[in-house]
Protein backbone atom coordinates (compact mmCIF):
# COMPACT_ATOMS: atom_id res chain seq x y z
CA MET A 1 -170.30 -14.74 117.02
CA ALA A 2 -168.91 -12.23 114.53
CA PRO A 3 -171.50 -10.30 112.48
CA ALA A 4 -172.12 -11.34 108.89
CA LEU A 5 -170.52 -8.10 107.65
CA THR A 6 -167.79 -6.08 109.29
CA GLU A 7 -167.97 -2.31 109.56
CA GLU A 8 -165.29 -2.15 106.88
CA GLN A 9 -167.42 -4.26 104.52
CA ILE A 10 -170.48 -2.07 105.16
CA GLU A 11 -168.43 1.05 104.43
CA GLY A 12 -167.17 -0.64 101.27
CA PHE A 13 -170.76 -1.40 100.23
CA VAL A 14 -171.70 2.28 100.54
CA ARG A 15 -168.57 3.37 98.65
CA ASP A 16 -168.30 0.60 96.01
CA GLY A 17 -171.89 -0.59 95.69
CA PHE A 18 -171.41 -4.25 96.54
CA VAL A 19 -169.99 -6.73 99.02
CA HIS A 20 -168.80 -10.27 98.29
CA LEU A 21 -170.21 -12.57 101.00
CA ARG A 22 -168.18 -15.76 100.77
CA GLY A 23 -169.82 -19.03 101.81
CA ALA A 24 -173.21 -17.38 102.23
CA PHE A 25 -174.90 -20.76 101.75
CA PRO A 26 -173.51 -24.32 101.80
CA ARG A 27 -171.75 -25.73 98.73
CA GLU A 28 -173.88 -28.88 98.94
CA VAL A 29 -176.99 -26.68 98.58
CA ALA A 30 -175.40 -25.09 95.49
CA ASP A 31 -174.76 -28.59 94.09
CA GLU A 32 -178.40 -29.56 94.70
CA GLY A 33 -179.63 -26.35 93.09
CA ARG A 34 -177.41 -26.85 90.07
CA ALA A 35 -178.83 -30.35 89.60
CA VAL A 36 -182.35 -28.92 89.68
CA LEU A 37 -181.41 -26.33 87.08
CA TRP A 38 -179.84 -28.91 84.76
CA ARG A 39 -183.13 -30.83 84.83
CA MET A 40 -185.07 -27.64 84.11
CA THR A 41 -182.91 -26.85 81.06
CA GLY A 42 -183.48 -30.31 79.59
CA LEU A 43 -179.80 -30.37 78.60
CA ASP A 44 -177.19 -33.02 79.29
CA PRO A 45 -174.44 -31.89 81.70
CA ASP A 46 -172.13 -34.57 80.27
CA ASP A 47 -172.69 -33.77 76.60
CA PRO A 48 -171.51 -30.33 75.41
CA ALA A 49 -173.11 -31.04 72.05
CA THR A 50 -176.47 -30.31 73.71
CA TRP A 51 -175.31 -26.83 74.80
CA THR A 52 -176.56 -25.16 71.64
CA GLN A 53 -177.19 -21.65 73.03
CA PRO A 54 -174.82 -19.21 74.77
CA VAL A 55 -177.37 -18.49 77.50
CA VAL A 56 -180.48 -20.24 78.79
CA ARG A 57 -182.75 -18.38 81.21
CA ILE A 58 -184.83 -20.05 83.89
CA MET A 59 -187.23 -17.42 85.18
CA GLY A 60 -187.39 -18.67 88.75
CA SER A 61 -187.90 -21.57 91.11
CA ALA A 62 -189.07 -22.12 94.67
CA ALA A 63 -187.46 -25.57 94.87
CA GLU A 64 -186.03 -26.44 98.26
CA PRO A 65 -182.35 -25.74 97.46
CA PHE A 66 -183.21 -22.21 96.40
CA ARG A 67 -185.35 -21.49 99.46
CA VAL A 68 -182.54 -22.76 101.67
CA ALA A 69 -179.84 -20.81 99.81
CA ALA A 70 -181.75 -17.53 100.14
CA ASN A 71 -182.57 -17.86 103.82
CA THR A 72 -179.42 -18.75 105.71
CA PRO A 73 -178.99 -16.97 109.06
CA ARG A 74 -175.84 -15.31 107.74
CA LEU A 75 -177.65 -13.83 104.75
CA HIS A 76 -180.54 -12.65 106.89
CA GLU A 77 -178.13 -10.88 109.20
CA ALA A 78 -176.42 -9.24 106.22
CA PHE A 79 -179.83 -8.07 104.94
CA ASP A 80 -180.50 -6.52 108.35
CA GLN A 81 -177.14 -4.77 108.24
CA LEU A 82 -177.55 -3.35 104.72
CA VAL A 83 -181.30 -2.75 104.47
CA GLY A 84 -182.45 -2.61 108.09
CA ALA A 85 -184.19 -5.08 110.39
CA GLY A 86 -187.84 -5.41 109.48
CA ARG A 87 -187.36 -3.54 106.20
CA TRP A 88 -187.03 -6.50 103.80
CA LYS A 89 -189.10 -9.52 102.75
CA PRO A 90 -187.72 -13.08 102.99
CA CYS A 91 -187.19 -14.74 99.62
CA GLN A 92 -189.57 -17.60 98.82
CA GLY A 93 -187.33 -18.81 96.01
CA LEU A 94 -184.79 -17.47 93.54
CA GLY A 95 -184.66 -16.21 89.95
CA THR A 96 -183.89 -15.36 87.36
CA PHE A 97 -181.17 -17.87 86.48
CA PRO A 98 -179.10 -16.82 83.45
CA ILE A 99 -177.16 -20.04 82.76
CA ARG A 100 -174.20 -19.28 80.50
CA PHE A 101 -172.51 -21.89 78.31
CA PRO A 102 -169.21 -21.99 76.43
CA HIS A 103 -170.35 -20.97 72.97
CA PRO A 104 -168.94 -19.12 69.94
CA ASP A 105 -172.05 -16.97 69.41
CA ASP A 106 -172.52 -13.53 70.95
CA PRO A 107 -175.16 -13.87 73.70
CA GLY A 108 -176.54 -10.45 72.73
CA ASP A 109 -177.13 -9.23 76.27
CA THR A 110 -173.79 -7.86 77.44
CA GLY A 111 -174.50 -4.12 77.64
CA TRP A 112 -174.01 -2.06 80.79
CA HIS A 113 -177.26 -1.48 82.69
CA MET A 114 -179.01 -1.37 86.04
CA ASP A 115 -182.10 -3.44 86.82
CA GLY A 116 -185.63 -2.04 86.85
CA THR A 117 -188.27 -3.17 89.30
CA TYR A 118 -191.76 -2.07 88.24
CA SER A 119 -193.77 -1.03 85.19
CA LEU A 120 -194.91 2.36 83.99
CA GLU A 121 -198.20 2.59 82.12
CA GLY A 122 -197.67 2.38 78.40
CA GLU A 123 -194.01 1.30 78.72
CA THR A 124 -192.54 -2.12 78.04
CA TRP A 125 -189.18 -1.56 79.73
CA PRO A 126 -189.03 -1.90 83.54
CA ALA A 127 -188.57 1.27 85.57
CA LEU A 128 -186.87 2.51 88.72
CA ASN A 129 -186.99 5.66 90.81
CA VAL A 130 -184.65 7.50 93.15
CA ALA A 131 -186.03 5.68 96.21
CA SER A 132 -185.50 2.29 94.50
CA ARG A 133 -189.16 1.34 94.55
CA GLY A 134 -189.60 -2.42 94.83
CA ARG A 135 -185.94 -3.38 95.25
CA ALA A 136 -183.75 -3.17 98.32
CA LEU A 137 -180.79 -5.12 96.89
CA LEU A 138 -179.62 -6.78 93.69
CA MET A 139 -178.12 -10.16 94.56
CA LEU A 140 -175.88 -12.57 92.64
CA PHE A 141 -176.04 -16.14 93.98
CA LEU A 142 -173.27 -18.36 92.61
CA PHE A 143 -174.42 -21.96 92.10
CA SER A 144 -171.17 -22.98 90.40
CA ASP A 145 -167.55 -21.95 90.80
CA VAL A 146 -166.98 -18.86 88.65
CA GLY A 147 -163.52 -17.94 87.41
CA PRO A 148 -162.46 -15.08 85.14
CA ASP A 149 -163.26 -17.08 81.97
CA ASP A 150 -166.63 -18.39 83.18
CA ALA A 151 -168.77 -15.36 82.21
CA PRO A 152 -168.61 -13.61 85.58
CA THR A 153 -170.84 -10.57 85.87
CA ARG A 154 -168.92 -7.35 85.27
CA ILE A 155 -169.42 -4.65 87.91
CA LYS A 156 -168.67 -0.93 87.63
CA VAL A 157 -167.28 -0.10 91.06
CA GLY A 158 -169.00 2.92 92.62
CA SER A 159 -171.39 3.37 89.70
CA HIS A 160 -174.42 3.29 92.02
CA LEU A 161 -173.37 6.77 93.13
CA ASP A 162 -173.81 8.14 89.60
CA VAL A 163 -177.40 6.98 89.17
CA PRO A 164 -179.39 9.00 91.77
CA ALA A 165 -178.75 12.37 90.09
CA PHE A 166 -180.25 11.03 86.86
CA LEU A 167 -183.31 9.66 88.69
CA ALA A 168 -184.07 12.51 91.09
CA PRO A 169 -185.75 14.79 88.49
CA ALA A 170 -188.25 12.01 87.69
CA GLY A 171 -189.50 11.91 91.28
CA GLU A 172 -191.73 9.12 92.56
CA ARG A 173 -192.82 8.07 89.06
CA GLY A 174 -189.27 7.28 88.01
CA ARG A 175 -188.18 6.40 84.49
CA THR A 176 -187.58 3.34 82.38
CA VAL A 177 -184.23 1.60 82.41
CA LEU A 178 -183.94 2.22 78.66
CA ASP A 179 -184.46 5.96 79.04
CA LEU A 180 -182.09 6.13 82.01
CA CYS A 181 -179.35 4.11 80.30
CA GLN A 182 -179.57 6.19 77.14
CA GLU A 183 -179.19 9.47 79.05
CA MET A 184 -176.35 8.12 81.18
CA ASP A 185 -174.63 6.83 78.03
CA ARG A 186 -174.87 10.26 76.39
CA ALA A 187 -173.34 11.75 79.54
CA GLY A 188 -170.52 9.17 79.56
CA ARG A 189 -171.67 7.74 82.90
CA LEU A 190 -172.99 4.35 81.79
CA ASP A 191 -169.66 2.76 80.92
CA ALA A 192 -167.94 5.32 83.21
CA PRO A 193 -164.33 4.84 82.02
CA ASP A 194 -163.07 6.50 85.19
CA ARG A 195 -164.62 3.77 87.34
CA PRO A 196 -162.85 0.39 87.60
CA THR A 197 -164.48 -2.85 86.50
CA VAL A 198 -164.37 -5.92 88.74
CA LEU A 199 -165.57 -9.44 88.00
CA ALA A 200 -168.05 -11.29 90.21
CA THR A 201 -165.91 -14.40 90.54
CA GLY A 202 -166.08 -16.82 93.43
CA GLU A 203 -167.06 -20.25 94.62
CA ALA A 204 -170.41 -22.02 94.64
CA GLY A 205 -172.21 -20.75 97.73
CA ASP A 206 -170.91 -17.18 97.48
CA VAL A 207 -173.33 -14.26 97.13
CA TYR A 208 -172.69 -10.74 95.91
CA LEU A 209 -174.97 -8.27 97.69
CA CYS A 210 -175.26 -5.23 95.44
CA HIS A 211 -176.83 -1.80 95.68
CA PRO A 212 -179.97 -1.72 93.50
CA PHE A 213 -178.46 1.08 91.36
CA LEU A 214 -175.19 -0.73 90.65
CA ILE A 215 -174.31 -0.71 86.95
CA HIS A 216 -173.31 -4.17 85.75
CA ALA A 217 -173.12 -6.29 82.61
CA ALA A 218 -172.92 -9.87 81.40
CA GLN A 219 -170.17 -11.18 79.15
CA PRO A 220 -169.57 -14.21 76.89
CA HIS A 221 -168.41 -17.49 78.41
CA ARG A 222 -164.79 -18.22 77.47
CA GLY A 223 -164.24 -21.23 79.70
CA THR A 224 -165.29 -24.86 79.56
CA VAL A 225 -167.82 -25.40 82.40
CA PRO A 226 -171.29 -23.78 82.31
CA ARG A 227 -171.91 -21.01 84.83
CA PHE A 228 -174.95 -21.22 87.09
CA MET A 229 -176.12 -18.10 88.92
CA ALA A 230 -179.30 -16.52 90.25
CA GLN A 231 -179.84 -12.77 90.19
CA PRO A 232 -182.91 -12.09 92.35
CA PRO A 233 -183.96 -8.86 94.00
CA LEU A 234 -184.36 -8.50 97.73
CA GLU A 235 -187.78 -6.91 98.05
CA PRO A 236 -188.36 -4.18 100.63
CA ALA A 237 -191.04 -4.70 103.28
CA VAL A 238 -191.41 -0.93 103.55
CA PRO A 239 -190.37 1.75 101.04
CA LEU A 240 -186.81 3.00 101.18
CA GLU A 241 -186.56 6.60 102.36
CA ILE A 242 -183.96 9.19 101.51
CA GLU A 243 -185.35 11.76 103.95
CA ARG A 244 -185.85 10.27 107.42
CA ALA A 245 -186.87 12.40 110.38
CA ASP A 246 -184.94 10.13 112.74
CA GLY A 247 -181.86 9.95 110.52
CA ALA A 248 -181.82 6.14 110.82
CA TYR A 249 -180.64 5.53 107.28
CA SER A 250 -179.65 2.08 106.09
CA PRO A 251 -176.43 1.70 104.08
CA VAL A 252 -178.56 1.37 100.92
CA GLU A 253 -180.27 4.69 101.68
CA THR A 254 -177.00 6.31 102.75
CA ALA A 255 -175.48 5.49 99.36
CA ILE A 256 -178.42 7.09 97.53
CA ARG A 257 -178.06 10.20 99.66
CA LEU A 258 -174.32 10.24 98.96
CA GLY A 259 -175.02 10.12 95.24
CA LEU A 260 -177.36 13.09 95.62
CA GLY A 261 -174.75 15.07 97.53
CA HIS A 262 -176.61 14.90 100.85
CA ASN A 263 -174.63 14.77 104.08
């Protein structure tokens, strides 16, 4: 059986910061998950008049469709290939779910950013450090078909390579996402006009496996059918390391080292 990811895809992950894994979980599981989410929103899928907000967030769920979606053999193999066997924790559910609706109002959350993973004392914004404490991957699980007009997540290709240099001076403690984004914005590296933008489009059952430092952004929904997606972290079972005595770096670690200018 062919591996979940080819060598070319793994090299692309290190270079670009993400890989699009098509058909990572069955479409019927996506359909079941979407039905669960509709019930959780309390909205009517057949009545657009009830879609009164541009985005509704469900924080998380361990319902059966989400446990199944997150734990297919193909996904587990891809986790092994990108993070390392034994270095990640199986997902017990999924979340958060930013459900985006066709709506004229600005959703108010479409700025470029990377996701934080832990808290610093006295700070309200989440934080991250150069070894990506608490997050081995950012993942985008598509629970509906997502076309260019359906509020696909925007991705800055290769932006994960810009982030380590801004995090390294903060050491193990790290820094808040707000502080990091503000500095990168001042340096012209948050929107990075020299880096192309791609859209996380695809079919229900697809998953985008992203480097934890990948810069990304939401956008308004310009289509007609609500978009259902989960954006959970893959948690590490052991801390990521950017200095290994044995040199057995995972692709996630290799990308961080590349961003720091290490061979």
